[in-house]
């Protein structure tokens, strides 16, 4: 694929199996006009409540916006929040057959209290222990059915440390993917950081790498190469992409390394930027784009989403406009 083809036609239809932690994002939106006399906290004059697909579901929305056909596999609780999340996903056009309703476990909900576009606080409702063996068996059965029936081009793990991606499930999925020559990608979190041995593309952020390697990882090229080499040795992965927040993106792929700085832009909200980056780089690597192009695309995707209040997928119109401006000035 060339950049001209990407700008003109987007990513060709790609089947992506997405497995990991799904959640419901809830926004309580209003305005603040005074401080409470009871405590030094703002008083929100409530206006409306908004529900959006969150966690892995936001990755699904990003992938869909980029042209992919998404197969989600995850769990929700047998509760009103789980019912609401399934309904929203169905309204968005997703097949929810792979999402299992689990008894005695809450649907993960992140409630953000917003004064206009300003987030005042967040309240999390969750049960984040690893899934039990019986739930794992059900998820794996759904996974194997998809592989034998509608074989995906890419398998993306989305890990938020909420318990779906237990170590045994991770390894069984990777082993099957390698046997079927399917590209695997992960955005890891701390708990199971090194449980993704054999993954093709490993996409942590710099803070996660520093914590996992028990050392401060700097943003100069040499130190990033050293950190990525340590990850290659521990994980036997093929590609490593490390997001550096305002410093940009670093990619290491075989003997090719590239550090792509961020172009300055206004940041409204960083929520969801990692989801957008994961979606873009997964499709870009699958379609054979060079590491330096992948890094630039990652910065563009993250930058677009950082300009939007709340968790949001990449708007199609913004994506095409930014690609044209950056690659065809």
C-alpha atoms as a PDB file:
ATOM      1  CA  UNK A   1       0.000   0.000   0.000  1.00  0.00           C
ATOM      2  CA  UNK A   2       1.155   3.547  -0.808  1.00  0.00           C
ATOM      3  CA  UNK A   3       0.235   6.778   0.963  1.00  0.00           C
ATOM      4  CA  UNK A   4      -1.634   7.943  -2.142  1.00  0.00           C
ATOM      5  CA  UNK A   5      -3.740   4.778  -1.991  1.00  0.00           C
ATOM      6  CA  UNK A   6      -4.339   5.273   1.725  1.00  0.00           C
ATOM      7  CA  UNK A   7      -5.490   8.865   1.253  1.00  0.00           C
ATOM      8  CA  UNK A   8      -7.703   7.977  -1.692  1.00  0.00           C
ATOM      9  CA  UNK A   9      -9.290   4.733  -0.530  1.00  0.00           C
ATOM     10  CA  UNK A  10      -8.376   4.321   3.136  1.00  0.00           C
ATOM     11  CA  UNK A  11      -7.329   0.923   4.447  1.00  0.00           C
ATOM     12  CA  UNK A  12      -8.840  -1.860   2.324  1.00  0.00           C
ATOM     13  CA  UNK A  13     -11.395  -4.003   4.138  1.00  0.00           C
ATOM     14  CA  UNK A  14      -9.514  -5.958   6.800  1.00  0.00           C
ATOM     15  CA  UNK A  15     -10.897  -8.510   9.251  1.00  0.00           C
ATOM     16  CA  UNK A  16      -9.768  -7.746  12.805  1.00  0.00           C
ATOM     17  CA  UNK A  17     -10.524  -9.996  15.757  1.00  0.00           C
ATOM     18  CA  UNK A  18     -10.424  -7.833  18.861  1.00  0.00           C
ATOM     19  CA  UNK A  19     -10.107  -9.510  22.259  1.00  0.00           C
ATOM     20  CA  UNK A  20      -9.746  -7.861  25.656  1.00  0.00           C
ATOM     21  CA  UNK A  21     -11.390  -5.589  28.201  1.00  0.00           C
ATOM     22  CA  UNK A  22     -14.585  -3.874  27.123  1.00  0.00           C
ATOM     23  CA  UNK A  23     -16.307  -1.187  29.177  1.00  0.00           C
ATOM     24  CA  UNK A  24     -18.996   1.455  29.241  1.00  0.00           C
ATOM     25  CA  UNK A  25     -18.009   5.121  29.311  1.00  0.00           C
ATOM     26  CA  UNK A  26     -20.594   7.315  31.038  1.00  0.00           C
ATOM     27  CA  UNK A  27     -20.466  11.120  31.041  1.00  0.00           C
ATOM     28  CA  UNK A  28     -22.342  13.272  33.553  1.00  0.00           C
ATOM     29  CA  UNK A  29     -22.296  16.670  31.873  1.00  0.00           C
ATOM     30  CA  UNK A  30     -23.235  20.030  33.299  1.00  0.00           C
ATOM     31  CA  UNK A  31     -21.804  23.386  34.313  1.00  0.00           C
ATOM     32  CA  UNK A  32     -20.083  24.746  37.393  1.00  0.00           C
ATOM     33  CA  UNK A  33     -21.060  28.156  38.755  1.00  0.00           C
ATOM     34  CA  UNK A  34     -20.061  27.938  42.405  1.00  0.00           C
ATOM     35  CA  UNK A  35     -18.107  26.090  45.086  1.00  0.00           C
ATOM     36  CA  UNK A  36     -19.971  23.957  47.598  1.00  0.00           C
ATOM     37  CA  UNK A  37     -20.391  25.448  51.110  1.00  0.00           C
ATOM     38  CA  UNK A  38     -20.023  21.897  52.498  1.00  0.00           C
ATOM     39  CA  UNK A  39     -16.512  21.277  51.171  1.00  0.00           C
ATOM     40  CA  UNK A  40     -14.046  23.022  48.831  1.00  0.00           C
ATOM     41  CA  UNK A  41     -15.393  21.251  45.741  1.00  0.00           C
ATOM     42  CA  UNK A  42     -17.250  22.539  42.657  1.00  0.00           C
ATOM     43  CA  UNK A  43     -21.027  22.058  42.427  1.00  0.00           C
ATOM     44  CA  UNK A  44     -22.034  20.589  39.061  1.00  0.00           C
ATOM     45  CA  UNK A  45     -25.405  21.709  37.750  1.00  0.00           C
ATOM     46  CA  UNK A  46     -26.306  18.498  35.940  1.00  0.00           C
ATOM     47  CA  UNK A  47     -27.626  18.796  32.353  1.00  0.00           C
ATOM     48  CA  UNK A  48     -27.385  15.404  30.662  1.00  0.00           C
ATOM     49  CA  UNK A  49     -26.042  11.870  30.731  1.00  0.00           C
ATOM     50  CA  UNK A  50     -24.159  10.335  27.763  1.00  0.00           C
ATOM     51  CA  UNK A  51     -23.247   6.658  27.300  1.00  0.00           C
ATOM     52  CA  UNK A  52     -20.478   5.591  24.908  1.00  0.00           C
ATOM     53  CA  UNK A  53     -18.656   2.330  24.155  1.00  0.00           C
ATOM     54  CA  UNK A  54     -15.342   2.361  26.007  1.00  0.00           C
ATOM     55  CA  UNK A  55     -12.161   0.374  26.446  1.00  0.00           C
ATOM     56  CA  UNK A  56     -11.871  -2.267  23.751  1.00  0.00           C
ATOM     57  CA  UNK A  57     -15.153  -1.031  22.268  1.00  0.00           C
ATOM     58  CA  UNK A  58     -13.541   2.322  21.486  1.00  0.00           C
ATOM     59  CA  UNK A  59     -10.769   0.476  19.633  1.00  0.00           C
ATOM     60  CA  UNK A  60     -13.529  -1.305  17.699  1.00  0.00           C
ATOM     61  CA  UNK A  61     -15.056   2.049  16.742  1.00  0.00           C
ATOM     62  CA  UNK A  62     -11.651   3.349  15.584  1.00  0.00           C
ATOM     63  CA  UNK A  63     -10.997   0.251  13.491  1.00  0.00           C
ATOM     64  CA  UNK A  64     -14.456   0.496  11.950  1.00  0.00           C
ATOM     65  CA  UNK A  65     -13.922   4.186  11.122  1.00  0.00           C
ATOM     66  CA  UNK A  66     -10.705   3.174   9.341  1.00  0.00           C
ATOM     67  CA  UNK A  67     -12.548   0.599   7.229  1.00  0.00           C
ATOM     68  CA  UNK A  68     -11.987  -2.644   9.145  1.00  0.00           C
ATOM     69  CA  UNK A  69     -14.531  -5.385   9.776  1.00  0.00           C
ATOM     70  CA  UNK A  70     -14.319  -5.981  13.547  1.00  0.00           C
ATOM     71  CA  UNK A  71     -15.090  -9.155  15.503  1.00  0.00           C
ATOM     72  CA  UNK A  72     -15.184  -8.351  19.266  1.00  0.00           C
ATOM     73  CA  UNK A  73     -14.629 -11.012  21.949  1.00  0.00           C
ATOM     74  CA  UNK A  74     -14.986  -9.969  25.588  1.00  0.00           C
ATOM     75  CA  UNK A  75     -17.226 -10.132  28.661  1.00  0.00           C
ATOM     76  CA  UNK A  76     -19.797  -7.941  30.377  1.00  0.00           C
ATOM     77  CA  UNK A  77     -21.680  -8.459  33.613  1.00  0.00           C
ATOM     78  CA  UNK A  78     -25.268  -9.619  33.753  1.00  0.00           C
ATOM     79  CA  UNK A  79     -26.439  -6.146  34.724  1.00  0.00           C
ATOM     80  CA  UNK A  80     -28.072  -3.018  33.319  1.00  0.00           C
ATOM     81  CA  UNK A  81     -24.717  -1.549  32.281  1.00  0.00           C
ATOM     82  CA  UNK A  82     -23.850  -4.690  30.326  1.00  0.00           C
ATOM     83  CA  UNK A  83     -27.251  -4.614  28.606  1.00  0.00           C
ATOM     84  CA  UNK A  84     -26.738  -0.955  27.705  1.00  0.00           C
ATOM     85  CA  UNK A  85     -23.263  -1.601  26.297  1.00  0.00           C
ATOM     86  CA  UNK A  86     -24.458  -4.529  24.157  1.00  0.00           C
ATOM     87  CA  UNK A  87     -27.339  -2.430  22.848  1.00  0.00           C
ATOM     88  CA  UNK A  88     -25.047   0.459  21.906  1.00  0.00           C
ATOM     89  CA  UNK A  89     -22.643  -1.887  20.104  1.00  0.00           C
ATOM     90  CA  UNK A  90     -25.493  -3.470  18.167  1.00  0.00           C
ATOM     91  CA  UNK A  91     -26.737  -0.007  17.190  1.00  0.00           C
ATOM     92  CA  UNK A  92     -23.198   0.737  15.940  1.00  0.00           C
ATOM     93  CA  UNK A  93     -23.440  -2.329  13.697  1.00  0.00           C
ATOM     94  CA  UNK A  94     -21.213  -4.765  15.615  1.00  0.00           C
ATOM     95  CA  UNK A  95     -21.907  -8.472  15.966  1.00  0.00           C
ATOM     96  CA  UNK A  96     -21.986  -9.052  19.747  1.00  0.00           C
ATOM     97  CA  UNK A  97     -22.106 -12.855  19.581  1.00  0.00           C
ATOM     98  CA  UNK A  98     -18.544 -12.969  20.937  1.00  0.00           C
ATOM     99  CA  UNK A  99     -19.344 -10.880  24.030  1.00  0.00           C
ATOM    100  CA  UNK A 100     -20.274 -13.124  26.961  1.00  0.00           C
ATOM    101  CA  UNK A 101     -22.553 -12.018  29.822  1.00  0.00           C
ATOM    102  CA  UNK A 102     -20.958 -13.318  33.021  1.00  0.00           C
ATOM    103  CA  UNK A 103     -22.898 -13.699  36.305  1.00  0.00           C
ATOM    104  CA  UNK A 104     -21.504 -12.341  39.578  1.00  0.00           C
ATOM    105  CA  UNK A 105     -19.203  -9.890  37.818  1.00  0.00           C
ATOM    106  CA  UNK A 106     -19.861  -6.204  37.189  1.00  0.00           C
ATOM    107  CA  UNK A 107     -19.618  -4.575  33.793  1.00  0.00           C
ATOM    108  CA  UNK A 108     -16.688  -2.161  33.910  1.00  0.00           C
ATOM    109  CA  UNK A 109     -17.998   1.420  33.893  1.00  0.00           C
ATOM    110  CA  UNK A 110     -15.961   4.630  33.859  1.00  0.00           C
ATOM    111  CA  UNK A 111     -18.061   7.638  34.860  1.00  0.00           C
ATOM    112  CA  UNK A 112     -16.548  11.006  34.011  1.00  0.00           C
ATOM    113  CA  UNK A 113     -18.017  14.127  35.582  1.00  0.00           C
ATOM    114  CA  UNK A 114     -17.668  16.944  33.056  1.00  0.00           C
ATOM    115  CA  UNK A 115     -18.112  20.700  33.324  1.00  0.00           C
ATOM    116  CA  UNK A 116     -18.339  21.479  29.625  1.00  0.00           C
ATOM    117  CA  UNK A 117     -15.169  19.953  28.164  1.00  0.00           C
ATOM    118  CA  UNK A 118     -13.340  19.971  31.527  1.00  0.00           C
ATOM    119  CA  UNK A 119     -13.182  16.660  33.382  1.00  0.00           C
ATOM    120  CA  UNK A 120     -13.712  17.193  37.118  1.00  0.00           C
ATOM    121  CA  UNK A 121     -13.333  13.613  38.282  1.00  0.00           C
ATOM    122  CA  UNK A 122     -13.732   9.970  37.282  1.00  0.00           C
ATOM    123  CA  UNK A 123     -15.500   7.161  39.130  1.00  0.00           C
ATOM    124  CA  UNK A 124     -14.660   3.530  38.212  1.00  0.00           C
ATOM    125  CA  UNK A 125     -16.940   0.537  38.804  1.00  0.00           C
ATOM    126  CA  UNK A 126     -15.215  -2.773  38.091  1.00  0.00           C
ATOM    127  CA  UNK A 127     -14.269  -6.308  39.070  1.00  0.00           C
ATOM    128  CA  UNK A 128     -10.741  -6.676  37.731  1.00  0.00           C
ATOM    129  CA  UNK A 129      -9.573 -10.109  38.877  1.00  0.00           C
ATOM    130  CA  UNK A 130      -8.619 -12.542  36.103  1.00  0.00           C
ATOM    131  CA  UNK A 131     -11.530 -14.438  34.590  1.00  0.00           C
ATOM    132  CA  UNK A 132     -12.267 -17.933  35.904  1.00  0.00           C
ATOM    133  CA  UNK A 133     -11.468 -21.102  33.944  1.00  0.00           C
ATOM    134  CA  UNK A 134     -15.071 -21.648  32.822  1.00  0.00           C
ATOM    135  CA  UNK A 135     -15.321 -18.130  31.366  1.00  0.00           C
ATOM    136  CA  UNK A 136     -11.953 -18.581  29.673  1.00  0.00           C
ATOM    137  CA  UNK A 137     -13.183 -21.797  28.050  1.00  0.00           C
ATOM    138  CA  UNK A 138     -16.245 -20.012  26.657  1.00  0.00           C
ATOM    139  CA  UNK A 139     -14.146 -17.166  25.222  1.00  0.00           C
ATOM    140  CA  UNK A 140     -11.652 -19.582  23.683  1.00  0.00           C
ATOM    141  CA  UNK A 141     -14.467 -21.567  22.099  1.00  0.00           C
ATOM    142  CA  UNK A 142     -15.760 -18.377  20.472  1.00  0.00           C
ATOM    143  CA  UNK A 143     -12.224 -17.509  19.380  1.00  0.00           C
ATOM    144  CA  UNK A 144     -11.573 -20.918  17.782  1.00  0.00           C
ATOM    145  CA  UNK A 145     -14.949 -20.777  16.022  1.00  0.00           C
ATOM    146  CA  UNK A 146     -14.003 -17.444  14.455  1.00  0.00           C
ATOM    147  CA  UNK A 147     -10.611 -18.762  13.334  1.00  0.00           C
ATOM    148  CA  UNK A 148     -12.168 -21.794  11.655  1.00  0.00           C
ATOM    149  CA  UNK A 149     -15.122 -19.896  10.215  1.00  0.00           C
ATOM    150  CA  UNK A 150     -14.217 -16.292   9.387  1.00  0.00           C
ATOM    151  CA  UNK A 151     -10.433 -16.256   9.690  1.00  0.00           C
ATOM    152  CA  UNK A 152      -9.259 -12.749  10.630  1.00  0.00           C
ATOM    153  CA  UNK A 153      -6.294 -10.925   9.123  1.00  0.00           C
ATOM    154  CA  UNK A 154      -5.245  -9.407  12.471  1.00  0.00           C
ATOM    155  CA  UNK A 155      -5.779 -10.295  16.125  1.00  0.00           C
ATOM    156  CA  UNK A 156      -5.589  -7.295  18.462  1.00  0.00           C
ATOM    157  CA  UNK A 157      -5.343  -7.704  22.234  1.00  0.00           C
ATOM    158  CA  UNK A 158      -6.634  -4.693  24.148  1.00  0.00           C
ATOM    159  CA  UNK A 159      -5.493  -4.897  27.759  1.00  0.00           C
ATOM    160  CA  UNK A 160      -6.700  -2.501  30.461  1.00  0.00           C
ATOM    161  CA  UNK A 161      -5.875  -4.813  33.398  1.00  0.00           C
ATOM    162  CA  UNK A 162      -9.569  -5.628  33.891  1.00  0.00           C
ATOM    163  CA  UNK A 163      -9.098  -9.408  33.885  1.00  0.00           C
ATOM    164  CA  UNK A 164     -10.209 -10.711  30.488  1.00  0.00           C
ATOM    165  CA  UNK A 165      -6.660 -11.324  29.264  1.00  0.00           C
ATOM    166  CA  UNK A 166      -5.546 -14.014  31.700  1.00  0.00           C
ATOM    167  CA  UNK A 167      -2.080 -15.469  30.938  1.00  0.00           C
ATOM    168  CA  UNK A 168      -3.319 -18.881  29.751  1.00  0.00           C
ATOM    169  CA  UNK A 169      -5.837 -17.290  27.377  1.00  0.00           C
ATOM    170  CA  UNK A 170      -3.184 -14.937  25.980  1.00  0.00           C
ATOM    171  CA  UNK A 171      -0.775 -17.739  25.148  1.00  0.00           C
ATOM    172  CA  UNK A 172      -3.399 -20.009  23.609  1.00  0.00           C
ATOM    173  CA  UNK A 173      -4.567 -17.200  21.313  1.00  0.00           C
ATOM    174  CA  UNK A 174      -0.998 -16.299  20.292  1.00  0.00           C
ATOM    175  CA  UNK A 175      -0.105 -19.950  19.657  1.00  0.00           C
ATOM    176  CA  UNK A 176      -3.149 -20.407  17.418  1.00  0.00           C
ATOM    177  CA  UNK A 177      -2.472 -17.153  15.586  1.00  0.00           C
ATOM    178  CA  UNK A 178       1.129 -18.166  14.857  1.00  0.00           C
ATOM    179  CA  UNK A 179      -0.027 -21.541  13.581  1.00  0.00           C
ATOM    180  CA  UNK A 180      -2.471 -19.757  11.250  1.00  0.00           C
ATOM    181  CA  UNK A 181       0.016 -16.979  10.236  1.00  0.00           C
ATOM    182  CA  UNK A 182      -2.233 -14.218  11.624  1.00  0.00           C
ATOM    183  CA  UNK A 183      -0.673 -10.884  12.654  1.00  0.00           C
ATOM    184  CA  UNK A 184      -0.972 -10.284  16.421  1.00  0.00           C
ATOM    185  CA  UNK A 185      -0.856  -6.878  18.125  1.00  0.00           C
ATOM    186  CA  UNK A 186      -1.117  -5.814  21.759  1.00  0.00           C
ATOM    187  CA  UNK A 187      -1.415  -2.620  23.767  1.00  0.00           C
ATOM    188  CA  UNK A 188      -0.228  -4.064  27.127  1.00  0.00           C
ATOM    189  CA  UNK A 189      -0.728  -3.003  30.716  1.00  0.00           C
ATOM    190  CA  UNK A 190       1.366  -3.736  33.778  1.00  0.00           C
ATOM    191  CA  UNK A 191      -0.164  -6.903  35.218  1.00  0.00           C
ATOM    192  CA  UNK A 192       0.464  -9.147  32.209  1.00  0.00           C
ATOM    193  CA  UNK A 193       3.110  -7.046  30.452  1.00  0.00           C
ATOM    194  CA  UNK A 194       5.488  -9.944  29.749  1.00  0.00           C
ATOM    195  CA  UNK A 195       2.796 -12.586  29.168  1.00  0.00           C
ATOM    196  CA  UNK A 196       2.585 -11.766  25.438  1.00  0.00           C
ATOM    197  CA  UNK A 197       5.594 -13.860  24.363  1.00  0.00           C
ATOM    198  CA  UNK A 198       5.523 -14.446  20.616  1.00  0.00           C
ATOM    199  CA  UNK A 199       3.412 -11.371  19.800  1.00  0.00           C
ATOM    200  CA  UNK A 200       4.158  -9.730  16.440  1.00  0.00           C
ATOM    201  CA  UNK A 201       3.670  -6.043  17.352  1.00  0.00           C
ATOM    202  CA  UNK A 202       4.130  -4.806  20.922  1.00  0.00           C
ATOM    203  CA  UNK A 203       2.809  -1.268  21.587  1.00  0.00           C
ATOM    204  CA  UNK A 204       3.428   0.049  25.104  1.00  0.00           C
ATOM    205  CA  UNK A 205       3.923   3.632  26.211  1.00  0.00           C
ATOM    206  CA  UNK A 206       7.179   4.911  27.701  1.00  0.00           C
ATOM    207  CA  UNK A 207       5.933   4.892  31.292  1.00  0.00           C
ATOM    208  CA  UNK A 208       4.857   1.256  30.985  1.00  0.00           C
ATOM    209  CA  UNK A 209       8.235   0.277  29.534  1.00  0.00           C
ATOM    210  CA  UNK A 210      10.093   2.030  32.361  1.00  0.00           C
ATOM    211  CA  UNK A 211       7.986   0.302  34.999  1.00  0.00           C
ATOM    212  CA  UNK A 212       8.295  -3.119  33.355  1.00  0.00           C
ATOM    213  CA  UNK A 213      12.073  -2.901  32.896  1.00  0.00           C
ATOM    214  CA  UNK A 214      12.566  -1.313  36.359  1.00  0.00           C
ATOM    215  CA  UNK A 215      14.605   1.534  34.935  1.00  0.00           C
ATOM    216  CA  UNK A 216      13.996   5.046  33.661  1.00  0.00           C
ATOM    217  CA  UNK A 217      13.751   4.911  29.876  1.00  0.00           C
ATOM    218  CA  UNK A 218      14.689   8.183  28.205  1.00  0.00           C
ATOM    219  CA  UNK A 219      13.455   9.569  24.897  1.00  0.00           C
ATOM    220  CA  UNK A 220      16.801   9.787  23.101  1.00  0.00           C
ATOM    221  CA  UNK A 221      17.205   7.395  20.189  1.00  0.00           C
ATOM    222  CA  UNK A 222      19.969   5.254  21.701  1.00  0.00           C
ATOM    223  CA  UNK A 223      18.122   4.606  24.971  1.00  0.00           C
ATOM    224  CA  UNK A 224      14.915   3.811  23.113  1.00  0.00           C
ATOM    225  CA  UNK A 225      16.840   1.282  21.011  1.00  0.00           C
ATOM    226  CA  UNK A 226      18.239  -0.272  24.196  1.00  0.00           C
ATOM    227  CA  UNK A 227      14.763  -0.506  25.737  1.00  0.00           C
ATOM    228  CA  UNK A 228      13.221  -1.993  22.628  1.00  0.00           C
ATOM    229  CA  UNK A 229      16.047  -4.542  22.402  1.00  0.00           C
ATOM    230  CA  UNK A 230      15.286  -5.629  25.970  1.00  0.00           C
ATOM    231  CA  UNK A 231      11.642  -6.084  24.985  1.00  0.00           C
ATOM    232  CA  UNK A 232      12.601  -8.093  21.897  1.00  0.00           C
ATOM    233  CA  UNK A 233      14.705 -10.416  24.026  1.00  0.00           C
ATOM    234  CA  UNK A 234      11.990 -10.955  26.641  1.00  0.00           C
ATOM    235  CA  UNK A 235       9.032 -11.265  24.259  1.00  0.00           C
ATOM    236  CA  UNK A 236      10.460 -12.570  20.986  1.00  0.00           C
ATOM    237  CA  UNK A 237       8.298  -9.994  19.199  1.00  0.00           C
ATOM    238  CA  UNK A 238       8.896  -8.768  15.627  1.00  0.00           C
ATOM    239  CA  UNK A 239       8.017  -5.073  15.937  1.00  0.00           C
ATOM    240  CA  UNK A 240       7.969  -2.638  18.840  1.00  0.00           C
ATOM    241  CA  UNK A 241       6.236   0.741  18.841  1.00  0.00           C
ATOM    242  CA  UNK A 242       6.621   2.904  21.949  1.00  0.00           C
ATOM    243  CA  UNK A 243       4.445   5.998  22.334  1.00  0.00           C
ATOM    244  CA  UNK A 244       6.257   8.914  23.987  1.00  0.00           C
ATOM    245  CA  UNK A 245       3.384  11.298  24.754  1.00  0.00           C
ATOM    246  CA  UNK A 246       4.372  14.834  23.662  1.00  0.00           C
ATOM    247  CA  UNK A 247       7.749  13.509  22.445  1.00  0.00           C
ATOM    248  CA  UNK A 248       6.243  11.434  19.633  1.00  0.00           C
ATOM    249  CA  UNK A 249       6.564   7.771  18.639  1.00  0.00           C
ATOM    250  CA  UNK A 250       9.482   5.337  18.389  1.00  0.00           C
ATOM    251  CA  UNK A 251       9.331   2.295  16.100  1.00  0.00           C
ATOM    252  CA  UNK A 252      11.765  -0.606  15.919  1.00  0.00           C
ATOM    253  CA  UNK A 253      11.184  -3.194  13.216  1.00  0.00           C
ATOM    254  CA  UNK A 254      13.997  -5.609  12.406  1.00  0.00           C
ATOM    255  CA  UNK A 255      16.998  -3.502  11.482  1.00  0.00           C
ATOM    256  CA  UNK A 256      14.844  -0.393  10.949  1.00  0.00           C
ATOM    257  CA  UNK A 257      14.370   2.142  13.746  1.00  0.00           C
ATOM    258  CA  UNK A 258      12.672   5.517  13.617  1.00  0.00           C
ATOM    259  CA  UNK A 259      11.861   8.288  16.084  1.00  0.00           C
ATOM    260  CA  UNK A 260       9.023  10.531  14.907  1.00  0.00           C
ATOM    261  CA  UNK A 261       8.493  13.791  16.846  1.00  0.00           C
ATOM    262  CA  UNK A 262       5.044  15.279  17.424  1.00  0.00           C
ATOM    263  CA  UNK A 263       3.994  18.421  15.593  1.00  0.00           C
ATOM    264  CA  UNK A 264       2.674  21.007  18.097  1.00  0.00           C
ATOM    265  CA  UNK A 265      -1.113  21.185  18.437  1.00  0.00           C
ATOM    266  CA  UNK A 266      -3.715  22.069  21.047  1.00  0.00           C
ATOM    267  CA  UNK A 267      -4.497  19.216  23.435  1.00  0.00           C
ATOM    268  CA  UNK A 268      -8.058  19.107  24.785  1.00  0.00           C
ATOM    269  CA  UNK A 269      -8.203  15.589  26.231  1.00  0.00           C
ATOM    270  CA  UNK A 270      -5.723  12.689  25.966  1.00  0.00           C
ATOM    271  CA  UNK A 271      -8.382  10.053  26.714  1.00  0.00           C
ATOM    272  CA  UNK A 272      -8.662   7.542  23.874  1.00  0.00           C
ATOM    273  CA  UNK A 273      -5.465   8.564  22.078  1.00  0.00           C
ATOM    274  CA  UNK A 274      -3.846   5.190  22.736  1.00  0.00           C
ATOM    275  CA  UNK A 275      -6.872   3.411  21.259  1.00  0.00           C
ATOM    276  CA  UNK A 276      -6.614   5.453  18.063  1.00  0.00           C
ATOM    277  CA  UNK A 277      -2.881   4.813  17.754  1.00  0.00           C
ATOM    278  CA  UNK A 278      -3.318   1.061  18.305  1.00  0.00           C
ATOM    279  CA  UNK A 279      -5.991   0.877  15.607  1.00  0.00           C
ATOM    280  CA  UNK A 280      -3.958   2.769  13.015  1.00  0.00           C
ATOM    281  CA  UNK A 281      -0.651   0.979  13.581  1.00  0.00           C
ATOM    282  CA  UNK A 282      -2.334  -2.452  13.505  1.00  0.00           C
ATOM    283  CA  UNK A 283      -3.768  -1.782  10.053  1.00  0.00           C
ATOM    284  CA  UNK A 284      -0.655   0.032   8.821  1.00  0.00           C
ATOM    285  CA  UNK A 285       1.707  -2.821   9.702  1.00  0.00           C
ATOM    286  CA  UNK A 286      -0.647  -5.391   8.185  1.00  0.00           C
ATOM    287  CA  UNK A 287      -0.748  -3.455   4.914  1.00  0.00           C
ATOM    288  CA  UNK A 288       3.037  -3.249   4.733  1.00  0.00           C
ATOM    289  CA  UNK A 289       3.715   0.433   5.382  1.00  0.00           C
ATOM    290  CA  UNK A 290       7.268   1.372   6.350  1.00  0.00           C
ATOM    291  CA  UNK A 291       8.077   2.021  10.053  1.00  0.00           C
ATOM    292  CA  UNK A 292       8.633   5.764   9.552  1.00  0.00           C
ATOM    293  CA  UNK A 293       5.235   6.050   7.860  1.00  0.00           C
ATOM    294  CA  UNK A 294       3.594   4.008  10.612  1.00  0.00           C
ATOM    295  CA  UNK A 295       5.105   6.343  13.220  1.00  0.00           C
ATOM    296  CA  UNK A 296       3.814   9.425  11.423  1.00  0.00           C
ATOM    297  CA  UNK A 297       0.341   7.895  11.086  1.00  0.00           C
ATOM    298  CA  UNK A 298       0.382   7.076  14.809  1.00  0.00           C
ATOM    299  CA  UNK A 299       1.166  10.702  15.688  1.00  0.00           C
ATOM    300  CA  UNK A 300      -1.590  11.946  13.402  1.00  0.00           C
ATOM    301  CA  UNK A 301      -4.166   9.577  14.892  1.00  0.00           C
ATOM    302  CA  UNK A 302      -3.244  10.394  18.480  1.00  0.00           C
ATOM    303  CA  UNK A 303      -3.159  14.117  17.750  1.00  0.00           C
ATOM    304  CA  UNK A 304      -6.620  14.141  16.197  1.00  0.00           C
ATOM    305  CA  UNK A 305      -8.165  12.372  19.184  1.00  0.00           C
ATOM    306  CA  UNK A 306      -6.332  14.605  21.688  1.00  0.00           C
ATOM    307  CA  UNK A 307      -8.222  17.533  20.154  1.00  0.00           C
ATOM    308  CA  UNK A 308     -11.617  16.048  21.111  1.00  0.00           C
ATOM    309  CA  UNK A 309     -13.167  16.164  24.592  1.00  0.00           C
ATOM    310  CA  UNK A 310     -13.920  12.721  26.020  1.00  0.00           C
ATOM    311  CA  UNK A 311     -13.159   9.298  24.575  1.00  0.00           C
ATOM    312  CA  UNK A 312     -13.869   9.370  20.854  1.00  0.00           C
ATOM    313  CA  UNK A 313     -12.852   7.428  17.744  1.00  0.00           C
ATOM    314  CA  UNK A 314     -11.048   9.130  14.866  1.00  0.00           C
ATOM    315  CA  UNK A 315     -13.518  11.166  12.758  1.00  0.00           C
ATOM    316  CA  UNK A 316     -13.194  10.014   9.139  1.00  0.00           C
ATOM    317  CA  UNK A 317     -13.194  13.538   7.699  1.00  0.00           C
ATOM    318  CA  UNK A 318     -10.436  14.732  10.069  1.00  0.00           C
ATOM    319  CA  UNK A 319      -8.325  11.673   9.269  1.00  0.00           C
ATOM    320  CA  UNK A 320      -8.403  12.222   5.513  1.00  0.00           C
ATOM    321  CA  UNK A 321      -7.798  15.957   5.852  1.00  0.00           C
ATOM    322  CA  UNK A 322      -4.781  15.423   8.130  1.00  0.00           C
ATOM    323  CA  UNK A 323      -3.267  12.768   5.857  1.00  0.00           C
ATOM    324  CA  UNK A 324      -3.583  15.079   2.869  1.00  0.00           C
ATOM    325  CA  UNK A 325      -2.073  18.020   4.762  1.00  0.00           C
ATOM    326  CA  UNK A 326       0.863  16.020   6.179  1.00  0.00           C
ATOM    327  CA  UNK A 327       1.782  13.900   3.178  1.00  0.00           C
ATOM    328  CA  UNK A 328       0.635  16.071   0.236  1.00  0.00           C
ATOM    329  CA  UNK A 329       1.238  19.688   1.331  1.00  0.00           C
END
